[in-house]
Amino acid sequence: MFHTIIIVGNLGTEPEMRYIASGQAVTKFNVASNRNYRNSEGQTVKETIWFRVTVWGKQAESVNNFLHKGSKVVIEGRLSPDPSTGNPRIWNRQDGSPAASFEVTASTVRFLSSRGEGGAGEEAGDVPETDAGDEIPF
């Protein structure tokens, strides 16, 4: 059996890289994927879904070196369920409302931003503005 997920979005945080005991690099970062649509009443609805992404090996080092908050990426990988439940990680927001985070183990990360785009010194206009109902869960 096989499954894959493809995400197009923007990094919502700076990548964080570390090395495990075997010397292999692992980098983690958050990606926001936006969707705009009109509901049945004709109103525009903006929806943002956050994903926690983990990348391993040489690709983890490249991600850490070249991507920054706001960078545009395409992620191909697989969903990684919560080991205790087999589902997305469930948590409560600060206001007490329930939420879930989606964990993705990336097999491929494609950089869509040029070197100067989306860096920490650039405007991060494509990174969605967050509010209490849209906060990053991690």
C-alpha atoms as a PDB file:
ATOM      1  CA  MET A   1       0.000   0.000   0.000  1.00  0.00           C
ATOM      2  CA  PHE A   2       1.109   3.537  -0.658  1.00  0.00           C
ATOM      3  CA  HIS A   3      -0.036   7.086  -0.067  1.00  0.00           C
ATOM      4  CA  THR A   4       1.434  10.477  -0.910  1.00  0.00           C
ATOM      5  CA  ILE A   5       0.541  14.062  -0.165  1.00  0.00           C
ATOM      6  CA  ILE A   6       1.544  17.143  -2.150  1.00  0.00           C
ATOM      7  CA  ILE A   7       1.509  20.524  -0.421  1.00  0.00           C
ATOM      8  CA  VAL A   8       2.159  23.910  -1.996  1.00  0.00           C
ATOM      9  CA  GLY A   9       2.655  26.674   0.520  1.00  0.00           C
ATOM     10  CA  ASN A  10       4.918  29.011   2.426  1.00  0.00           C
ATOM     11  CA  LEU A  11       7.196  28.365   5.371  1.00  0.00           C
ATOM     12  CA  GLY A  12       5.630  29.854   8.482  1.00  0.00           C
ATOM     13  CA  THR A  13       8.782  29.521  10.597  1.00  0.00           C
ATOM     14  CA  GLU A  14      12.531  29.296  10.104  1.00  0.00           C
ATOM     15  CA  PRO A  15      13.708  25.697   9.531  1.00  0.00           C
ATOM     16  CA  GLU A  16      15.289  24.028  12.582  1.00  0.00           C
ATOM     17  CA  MET A  17      18.002  21.454  11.854  1.00  0.00           C
ATOM     18  CA  ARG A  18      19.719  19.032  14.204  1.00  0.00           C
ATOM     19  CA  TYR A  19      21.769  15.857  13.872  1.00  0.00           C
ATOM     20  CA  ILE A  20      20.655  12.572  15.413  1.00  0.00           C
ATOM     21  CA  ALA A  21      23.119  10.184  17.114  1.00  0.00           C
ATOM     22  CA  SER A  22      23.926   8.404  13.831  1.00  0.00           C
ATOM     23  CA  GLY A  23      25.035  11.738  12.313  1.00  0.00           C
ATOM     24  CA  GLN A  24      22.033  12.060   9.995  1.00  0.00           C
ATOM     25  CA  ALA A  25      20.536  15.552   9.604  1.00  0.00           C
ATOM     26  CA  VAL A  26      16.858  16.187  10.341  1.00  0.00           C
ATOM     27  CA  THR A  27      15.131  19.514   9.686  1.00  0.00           C
ATOM     28  CA  LYS A  28      11.664  20.528  10.842  1.00  0.00           C
ATOM     29  CA  PHE A  29       9.569  23.479   9.720  1.00  0.00           C
ATOM     30  CA  ASN A  30       5.942  24.570   9.355  1.00  0.00           C
ATOM     31  CA  VAL A  31       4.175  25.159   6.041  1.00  0.00           C
ATOM     32  CA  ALA A  32       0.929  27.059   5.536  1.00  0.00           C
ATOM     33  CA  SER A  33      -1.233  26.199   2.551  1.00  0.00           C
ATOM     34  CA  ASN A  34      -3.949  28.694   1.613  1.00  0.00           C
ATOM     35  CA  ARG A  35      -7.260  28.129  -0.119  1.00  0.00           C
ATOM     36  CA  ASN A  36      -9.767  30.812  -1.153  1.00  0.00           C
ATOM     37  CA  TYR A  37     -13.282  29.899  -2.283  1.00  0.00           C
ATOM     38  CA  ARG A  38     -16.835  31.202  -2.340  1.00  0.00           C
ATOM     39  CA  ASN A  39     -19.361  29.572  -0.069  1.00  0.00           C
ATOM     40  CA  SER A  40     -23.013  28.933  -0.945  1.00  0.00           C
ATOM     41  CA  GLU A  41     -23.895  32.485   0.151  1.00  0.00           C
ATOM     42  CA  GLY A  42     -21.354  33.995  -2.272  1.00  0.00           C
ATOM     43  CA  GLN A  43     -18.942  35.126   0.437  1.00  0.00           C
ATOM     44  CA  THR A  44     -15.203  34.653  -0.021  1.00  0.00           C
ATOM     45  CA  VAL A  45     -13.785  32.243   2.526  1.00  0.00           C
ATOM     46  CA  LYS A  46     -10.056  32.154   3.281  1.00  0.00           C
ATOM     47  CA  GLU A  47      -8.831  28.853   4.686  1.00  0.00           C
ATOM     48  CA  THR A  48      -5.306  28.115   5.914  1.00  0.00           C
ATOM     49  CA  ILE A  49      -4.066  24.667   6.850  1.00  0.00           C
ATOM     50  CA  TRP A  50      -0.775  24.267   8.710  1.00  0.00           C
ATOM     51  CA  PHE A  51       1.502  21.267   8.276  1.00  0.00           C
ATOM     52  CA  ARG A  52       4.512  20.237  10.360  1.00  0.00           C
ATOM     53  CA  VAL A  53       7.148  18.954   7.940  1.00  0.00           C
ATOM     54  CA  THR A  54      10.169  16.767   8.704  1.00  0.00           C
ATOM     55  CA  VAL A  55      12.987  16.271   6.161  1.00  0.00           C
ATOM     56  CA  TRP A  56      15.944  13.878   6.501  1.00  0.00           C
ATOM     57  CA  GLY A  57      19.507  13.579   5.180  1.00  0.00           C
ATOM     58  CA  LYS A  58      21.189  15.832   2.602  1.00  0.00           C
ATOM     59  CA  GLN A  59      17.849  17.367   1.697  1.00  0.00           C
ATOM     60  CA  ALA A  60      17.446  18.442   5.353  1.00  0.00           C
ATOM     61  CA  GLU A  61      20.760  20.299   5.119  1.00  0.00           C
ATOM     62  CA  SER A  62      19.719  22.013   1.864  1.00  0.00           C
ATOM     63  CA  VAL A  63      16.387  23.083   3.337  1.00  0.00           C
ATOM     64  CA  ASN A  64      18.137  24.519   6.387  1.00  0.00           C
ATOM     65  CA  ASN A  65      20.687  26.396   4.247  1.00  0.00           C
ATOM     66  CA  PHE A  66      18.407  27.865   1.585  1.00  0.00           C
ATOM     67  CA  LEU A  67      14.857  28.208   2.916  1.00  0.00           C
ATOM     68  CA  HIS A  68      13.570  30.853   5.301  1.00  0.00           C
ATOM     69  CA  LYS A  69      10.274  31.989   6.760  1.00  0.00           C
ATOM     70  CA  GLY A  70       8.031  32.979   3.829  1.00  0.00           C
ATOM     71  CA  SER A  71       9.803  30.778   1.238  1.00  0.00           C
ATOM     72  CA  LYS A  72       7.485  29.116  -1.261  1.00  0.00           C
ATOM     73  CA  VAL A  73       7.799  25.338  -1.528  1.00  0.00           C
ATOM     74  CA  VAL A  74       6.238  22.192  -2.916  1.00  0.00           C
ATOM     75  CA  ILE A  75       6.397  19.283  -0.489  1.00  0.00           C
ATOM     76  CA  GLU A  76       5.881  15.672  -1.554  1.00  0.00           C
ATOM     77  CA  GLY A  77       5.723  13.113   1.207  1.00  0.00           C
ATOM     78  CA  ARG A  78       3.535  11.028   3.446  1.00  0.00           C
ATOM     79  CA  LEU A  79       1.307  11.794   6.390  1.00  0.00           C
ATOM     80  CA  SER A  80       2.763  10.640   9.689  1.00  0.00           C
ATOM     81  CA  PRO A  81       0.029   9.822  12.209  1.00  0.00           C
ATOM     82  CA  ASP A  82       0.191  10.373  15.961  1.00  0.00           C
ATOM     83  CA  PRO A  83       1.734   7.106  17.237  1.00  0.00           C
ATOM     84  CA  SER A  84      -0.757   6.825  20.094  1.00  0.00           C
ATOM     85  CA  THR A  85      -3.950   7.307  18.044  1.00  0.00           C
ATOM     86  CA  GLY A  86      -3.074   6.794  14.381  1.00  0.00           C
ATOM     87  CA  ASN A  87      -4.752  10.155  13.597  1.00  0.00           C
ATOM     88  CA  PRO A  88      -3.596  13.763  13.245  1.00  0.00           C
ATOM     89  CA  ARG A  89      -2.307  15.252  16.496  1.00  0.00           C
ATOM     90  CA  ILE A  90      -5.271  16.745  18.382  1.00  0.00           C
ATOM     91  CA  TRP A  91      -4.735  19.751  20.652  1.00  0.00           C
ATOM     92  CA  ASN A  92      -6.628  22.692  22.160  1.00  0.00           C
ATOM     93  CA  ARG A  93      -6.074  26.309  21.137  1.00  0.00           C
ATOM     94  CA  GLN A  94      -5.546  29.005  23.759  1.00  0.00           C
ATOM     95  CA  ASP A  95      -9.261  29.816  23.590  1.00  0.00           C
ATOM     96  CA  GLY A  96     -10.095  26.166  24.346  1.00  0.00           C
ATOM     97  CA  SER A  97     -11.392  25.261  20.877  1.00  0.00           C
ATOM     98  CA  PRO A  98     -10.189  21.946  19.406  1.00  0.00           C
ATOM     99  CA  ALA A  99      -7.676  21.795  16.549  1.00  0.00           C
ATOM    100  CA  ALA A 100      -5.468  19.272  14.780  1.00  0.00           C
ATOM    101  CA  SER A 101      -1.995  19.391  13.285  1.00  0.00           C
ATOM    102  CA  PHE A 102      -0.936  17.381  10.283  1.00  0.00           C
ATOM    103  CA  GLU A 103       2.524  15.815  10.381  1.00  0.00           C
ATOM    104  CA  VAL A 104       4.279  15.186   7.059  1.00  0.00           C
ATOM    105  CA  THR A 105       7.522  13.325   6.399  1.00  0.00           C
ATOM    106  CA  ALA A 106       8.870  14.838   3.185  1.00  0.00           C
ATOM    107  CA  SER A 107      10.453  12.758   0.456  1.00  0.00           C
ATOM    108  CA  THR A 108      10.971  15.776  -1.832  1.00  0.00           C
ATOM    109  CA  VAL A 109      11.123  19.507  -1.164  1.00  0.00           C
ATOM    110  CA  ARG A 110      11.103  21.774  -4.222  1.00  0.00           C
ATOM    111  CA  PHE A 111      12.103  25.400  -3.751  1.00  0.00           C
ATOM    112  CA  LEU A 112       9.770  27.819  -5.569  1.00  0.00           C
ATOM    113  CA  SER A 113      11.221  31.093  -4.241  1.00  0.00           C
ATOM    114  CA  SER A 114      14.367  32.583  -5.727  1.00  0.00           C
ATOM    115  CA  ARG A 115      17.278  33.208  -3.358  1.00  0.00           C
ATOM    116  CA  GLY A 116      16.165  36.761  -2.529  1.00  0.00           C
ATOM    117  CA  GLU A 117      12.472  35.964  -2.109  1.00  0.00           C
ATOM    118  CA  GLY A 118      10.792  35.009   1.124  1.00  0.00           C
ATOM    119  CA  GLY A 119      13.830  35.475   3.323  1.00  0.00           C
ATOM    120  CA  ALA A 120      13.666  36.837   6.832  1.00  0.00           C
ATOM    121  CA  GLY A 121      14.514  40.315   5.525  1.00  0.00           C
ATOM    122  CA  GLU A 122      11.794  40.247   2.888  1.00  0.00           C
ATOM    123  CA  GLU A 123       8.138  40.990   3.293  1.00  0.00           C
ATOM    124  CA  ALA A 124       6.343  37.743   3.986  1.00  0.00           C
ATOM    125  CA  GLY A 125       3.159  38.773   2.202  1.00  0.00           C
ATOM    126  CA  ASP A 126       2.304  35.252   1.113  1.00  0.00           C
ATOM    127  CA  VAL A 127       2.541  33.870   4.623  1.00  0.00           C
ATOM    128  CA  PRO A 128      -0.999  34.064   5.959  1.00  0.00           C
ATOM    129  CA  GLU A 129      -1.819  36.435   8.739  1.00  0.00           C
ATOM    130  CA  THR A 130      -2.887  34.476  11.768  1.00  0.00           C
ATOM    131  CA  ASP A 131      -5.583  35.192  14.277  1.00  0.00           C
ATOM    132  CA  ALA A 132      -6.824  33.269  17.300  1.00  0.00           C
ATOM    133  CA  GLY A 133      -8.572  30.730  15.069  1.00  0.00           C
ATOM    134  CA  ASP A 134      -5.563  30.343  12.829  1.00  0.00           C
ATOM    135  CA  GLU A 135      -2.597  30.165  15.171  1.00  0.00           C
ATOM    136  CA  ILE A 136       0.336  27.881  14.541  1.00  0.00           C
ATOM    137  CA  PRO A 137      -0.190  24.866  16.807  1.00  0.00           C
ATOM    138  CA  PHE A 138       3.467  24.146  17.499  1.00  0.00           C
END
